[in-house]
Amino acid sequence: MKRIFIALLMSALFVNADAQRKNELYGTISPTSLNVTANGFAKSESNNYIGMNFGYNRFFNFNETSKFKLVLGGRIFICACDVKDDYKRQNSDVDLATESFVKLQVPVALKYVIDINEKFSIEPYAGFYMSYCVSATDDVKYSSSTVSYDLYDDKELDFNRSEIGGHLGCDLRIKRFVLGVSYNAAFTDFTSLSGVDMKWSGLDFKCGFRF
């Protein structure tokens, strides 16, 4: 296993790799916000989360000479934030409280490839994504016990499972490695509550590998 890893690393560093490679594995660090606006409140609120994406992209050429590429992919998105202070404001004696979400997402994008040379390219893109929330939980640790609450059981929140949004960004390819940054924002509400606007948005800082 160690020899295989070393061989892949040496190949990535020293073998020319052009932008025609059609597969990409990547991960991201994703600061994310859930923005809430309700009727009757002049000020909106945002809950801030730290998230991660783990995903795969497949590239499709329109023709041999086109600089445009269609990108289809799939990824799992995980995010969490500390909500201990919310419980303490309710006079609840907790040691730790974490709110977390797990989503499956299908991103689609149109990418334009600007080749600097055979080793480097700049690749701006824009598109949309479809998302399905697998789980939304509060994990609360008290002094004597730990309790996990399913947020989909809370009718006051009335979370939706499905979501559609848009994203735009830019990748920098260095041989087979990829670095990038993108912004994403939901078009649809995360809740079905009347008079409440609740949408996700955030940044993705990406590191990937082409093969």
Protein backbone atom coordinates (compact mmCIF):
# COMPACT_ATOMS: atom_id res chain seq x y z
CA MET A 1 0.00 0.00 0.00
CA LYS A 2 2.84 2.37 0.87
CA ARG A 3 4.54 1.70 -2.49
CA ILE A 4 1.30 2.41 -4.38
CA PHE A 5 0.86 5.72 -2.55
CA ILE A 6 4.47 6.75 -3.31
CA ALA A 7 4.06 5.80 -6.98
CA LEU A 8 0.90 7.92 -7.30
CA LEU A 9 2.56 10.87 -5.59
CA MET A 10 5.66 10.73 -7.80
CA SER A 11 3.48 10.42 -10.90
CA ALA A 12 1.47 13.48 -9.90
CA LEU A 13 4.59 15.55 -9.27
CA PHE A 14 6.76 14.63 -12.24
CA VAL A 15 4.52 13.38 -15.05
CA ASN A 16 2.86 15.92 -17.33
CA ALA A 17 -0.88 15.92 -16.78
CA ASP A 18 -3.12 17.98 -19.02
CA ALA A 19 -6.64 19.28 -18.43
CA GLN A 20 -8.19 16.43 -20.44
CA ARG A 21 -8.27 14.11 -17.42
CA LYS A 22 -11.90 13.34 -16.79
CA ASN A 23 -12.09 12.37 -13.11
CA GLU A 24 -11.56 14.34 -9.94
CA LEU A 25 -11.61 13.46 -6.26
CA TYR A 26 -11.70 16.36 -3.82
CA GLY A 27 -12.34 17.57 -0.33
CA THR A 28 -13.29 20.99 0.99
CA ILE A 29 -13.31 23.03 4.16
CA SER A 30 -16.60 24.90 4.12
CA PRO A 31 -17.60 27.72 6.48
CA THR A 32 -21.37 27.72 6.13
CA SER A 33 -24.29 29.80 7.41
CA LEU A 34 -27.99 29.08 7.91
CA ASN A 35 -29.67 32.45 7.45
CA VAL A 36 -33.08 32.99 9.04
CA THR A 37 -35.51 35.86 8.45
CA ALA A 38 -39.02 35.86 9.95
CA ASN A 39 -41.96 38.17 9.35
CA GLY A 40 -42.24 40.73 12.09
CA PHE A 41 -38.51 40.77 12.82
CA ALA A 42 -36.44 43.59 11.37
CA LYS A 43 -33.13 41.79 11.83
CA SER A 44 -32.17 38.43 10.37
CA GLU A 45 -30.12 35.84 12.24
CA SER A 46 -27.38 33.49 11.07
CA ASN A 47 -26.06 30.29 12.60
CA ASN A 48 -22.47 29.63 11.56
CA TYR A 49 -21.18 26.10 10.92
CA ILE A 50 -17.90 24.51 9.96
CA GLY A 51 -18.44 21.99 7.19
CA MET A 52 -16.58 19.52 4.99
CA ASN A 53 -17.29 18.11 1.54
CA PHE A 54 -15.97 14.84 0.15
CA GLY A 55 -16.80 14.43 -3.51
CA TYR A 56 -16.22 13.15 -7.04
CA ASN A 57 -16.55 15.03 -10.35
CA ARG A 58 -16.72 13.72 -13.89
CA PHE A 59 -15.89 16.01 -16.84
CA PHE A 60 -17.54 15.82 -20.28
CA ASN A 61 -16.15 17.58 -23.37
CA PHE A 62 -18.57 19.14 -25.85
CA ASN A 63 -16.04 18.52 -28.63
CA GLU A 64 -12.28 18.17 -29.06
CA THR A 65 -11.61 21.90 -29.43
CA SER A 66 -14.15 23.36 -26.99
CA LYS A 67 -12.86 25.03 -23.84
CA PHE A 68 -16.20 24.43 -22.13
CA LYS A 69 -16.76 21.33 -20.02
CA LEU A 70 -19.87 19.94 -18.39
CA VAL A 71 -19.19 18.81 -14.81
CA LEU A 72 -21.39 16.23 -13.06
CA GLY A 73 -20.63 15.06 -9.57
CA GLY A 74 -21.71 13.74 -6.22
CA ARG A 75 -20.60 14.60 -2.70
CA ILE A 76 -21.38 14.20 0.95
CA PHE A 77 -21.55 17.37 3.03
CA ILE A 78 -21.14 17.35 6.83
CA CYS A 79 -21.36 20.45 9.03
CA ALA A 80 -21.65 21.17 12.75
CA CYS A 81 -21.71 24.03 15.26
CA ASP A 82 -21.58 24.46 19.02
CA VAL A 83 -25.04 25.32 20.41
CA LYS A 84 -24.21 24.94 24.10
CA ASP A 85 -24.98 28.63 24.78
CA ASP A 86 -28.52 28.18 23.40
CA TYR A 87 -29.19 25.49 25.99
CA LYS A 88 -27.63 27.53 28.77
CA ARG A 89 -29.97 30.43 27.97
CA GLN A 90 -32.79 27.99 28.66
CA ASN A 91 -31.25 27.30 32.10
CA SER A 92 -30.19 23.84 31.00
CA ASP A 93 -27.03 22.48 32.62
CA VAL A 94 -25.10 20.99 29.68
CA ASP A 95 -21.41 20.21 29.20
CA LEU A 96 -21.50 20.08 25.41
CA ALA A 97 -24.11 20.54 22.67
CA THR A 98 -23.48 20.11 18.96
CA GLU A 99 -25.93 20.66 16.12
CA SER A 100 -24.97 18.77 12.97
CA PHE A 101 -26.28 18.12 9.46
CA VAL A 102 -25.40 15.47 6.87
CA LYS A 103 -26.41 16.02 3.25
CA LEU A 104 -26.04 14.21 -0.05
CA GLN A 105 -25.55 16.63 -2.94
CA VAL A 106 -25.43 16.42 -6.73
CA PRO A 107 -23.60 19.44 -8.22
CA VAL A 108 -23.80 20.32 -11.92
CA ALA A 109 -21.64 23.03 -13.50
CA LEU A 110 -20.44 24.52 -16.77
CA LYS A 111 -16.68 25.09 -16.63
CA TYR A 112 -14.45 27.15 -18.94
CA VAL A 113 -10.81 26.01 -19.13
CA ILE A 114 -8.09 28.64 -19.66
CA ASP A 115 -4.84 26.76 -20.33
CA ILE A 116 -1.77 28.72 -19.26
CA ASN A 117 0.43 25.83 -20.42
CA GLU A 118 0.22 22.03 -20.26
CA LYS A 119 0.88 22.08 -16.50
CA PHE A 120 -1.38 24.94 -15.38
CA SER A 121 -4.93 26.04 -16.10
CA ILE A 122 -7.49 28.43 -14.62
CA GLU A 123 -11.06 27.09 -14.64
CA PRO A 124 -13.99 29.37 -13.70
CA TYR A 125 -17.40 27.72 -13.49
CA ALA A 126 -21.03 28.22 -12.52
CA GLY A 127 -23.94 25.87 -11.99
CA PHE A 128 -26.52 24.52 -9.57
CA TYR A 129 -26.84 21.70 -7.08
CA MET A 130 -29.54 19.45 -5.67
CA SER A 131 -29.33 18.41 -2.03
CA TYR A 132 -31.00 15.92 0.28
CA CYS A 133 -30.53 16.16 4.05
CA VAL A 134 -29.98 12.67 5.46
CA SER A 135 -29.87 13.74 9.11
CA ALA A 136 -30.16 16.78 11.36
CA THR A 137 -29.36 16.20 15.03
CA ASP A 138 -28.57 17.85 18.33
CA ASP A 139 -26.12 15.82 20.41
CA VAL A 140 -26.29 17.08 24.00
CA LYS A 141 -23.95 15.93 26.74
CA TYR A 142 -25.10 16.40 30.32
CA SER A 143 -23.04 15.66 33.40
CA SER A 144 -24.50 12.16 33.72
CA SER A 145 -25.77 11.30 30.23
CA THR A 146 -25.68 12.04 26.50
CA VAL A 147 -28.86 12.56 24.47
CA SER A 148 -29.27 12.83 20.70
CA TYR A 149 -32.30 14.75 19.37
CA ASP A 150 -33.56 14.31 15.81
CA LEU A 151 -34.36 17.84 14.59
CA TYR A 152 -36.80 16.45 12.02
CA ASP A 153 -39.01 15.39 14.93
CA ASP A 154 -39.33 19.06 15.99
CA LYS A 155 -42.51 20.41 14.36
CA GLU A 156 -41.60 23.96 15.38
CA LEU A 157 -38.64 23.80 12.99
CA ASP A 158 -40.41 21.86 10.20
CA PHE A 159 -37.17 21.29 8.25
CA ASN A 160 -37.32 20.24 4.61
CA ARG A 161 -35.21 17.38 3.30
CA SER A 162 -34.70 18.60 -0.28
CA GLU A 163 -32.96 21.76 -1.42
CA ILE A 164 -31.89 23.39 -4.70
CA GLY A 165 -29.17 26.01 -4.95
CA GLY A 166 -26.55 27.62 -7.14
CA HIS A 167 -22.77 27.80 -6.99
CA LEU A 168 -19.96 29.62 -8.77
CA GLY A 169 -16.22 29.47 -8.33
CA CYS A 170 -12.81 29.03 -9.87
CA ASP A 171 -10.25 26.20 -9.82
CA LEU A 172 -6.51 26.35 -10.36
CA ARG A 173 -5.03 23.15 -11.81
CA ILE A 174 -1.34 22.48 -11.11
CA LYS A 175 -0.51 19.30 -13.06
CA ARG A 176 -2.90 16.79 -11.46
CA PHE A 177 -3.58 18.79 -8.31
CA VAL A 178 -6.47 21.25 -8.01
CA LEU A 179 -7.01 24.17 -5.65
CA GLY A 180 -10.20 26.19 -5.72
CA VAL A 181 -12.72 28.41 -4.01
CA SER A 182 -16.46 28.69 -4.63
CA TYR A 183 -19.58 30.30 -3.22
CA ASN A 184 -22.90 28.48 -2.90
CA ALA A 185 -26.36 29.66 -1.92
CA ALA A 186 -29.71 27.88 -1.68
CA PHE A 187 -32.66 29.00 -3.81
CA THR A 188 -35.24 27.12 -1.72
CA ASP A 189 -36.13 27.37 1.97
CA PHE A 190 -34.88 24.82 4.47
CA THR A 191 -38.15 25.08 6.40
CA SER A 192 -41.84 24.90 5.49
CA LEU A 193 -42.88 27.28 8.31
CA SER A 194 -45.14 30.07 7.09
CA GLY A 195 -43.55 33.51 7.22
CA VAL A 196 -40.02 32.19 7.78
CA ASP A 197 -37.20 32.42 5.23
CA MET A 198 -34.39 29.96 6.03
CA LYS A 199 -31.60 29.37 3.50
CA TRP A 200 -28.09 27.91 3.48
CA SER A 201 -25.06 29.71 2.01
CA GLY A 202 -21.31 29.34 2.32
CA LEU A 203 -17.83 29.06 0.88
CA ASP A 204 -15.88 25.97 -0.23
CA PHE A 205 -12.08 25.91 -0.08
CA LYS A 206 -11.14 22.97 -2.26
CA CYS A 207 -8.19 20.62 -2.70
CA GLY A 208 -8.46 17.87 -5.30
CA PHE A 209 -6.68 15.36 -7.53
CA ARG A 210 -7.28 14.61 -11.24
CA PHE A 211 -6.91 11.18 -12.78
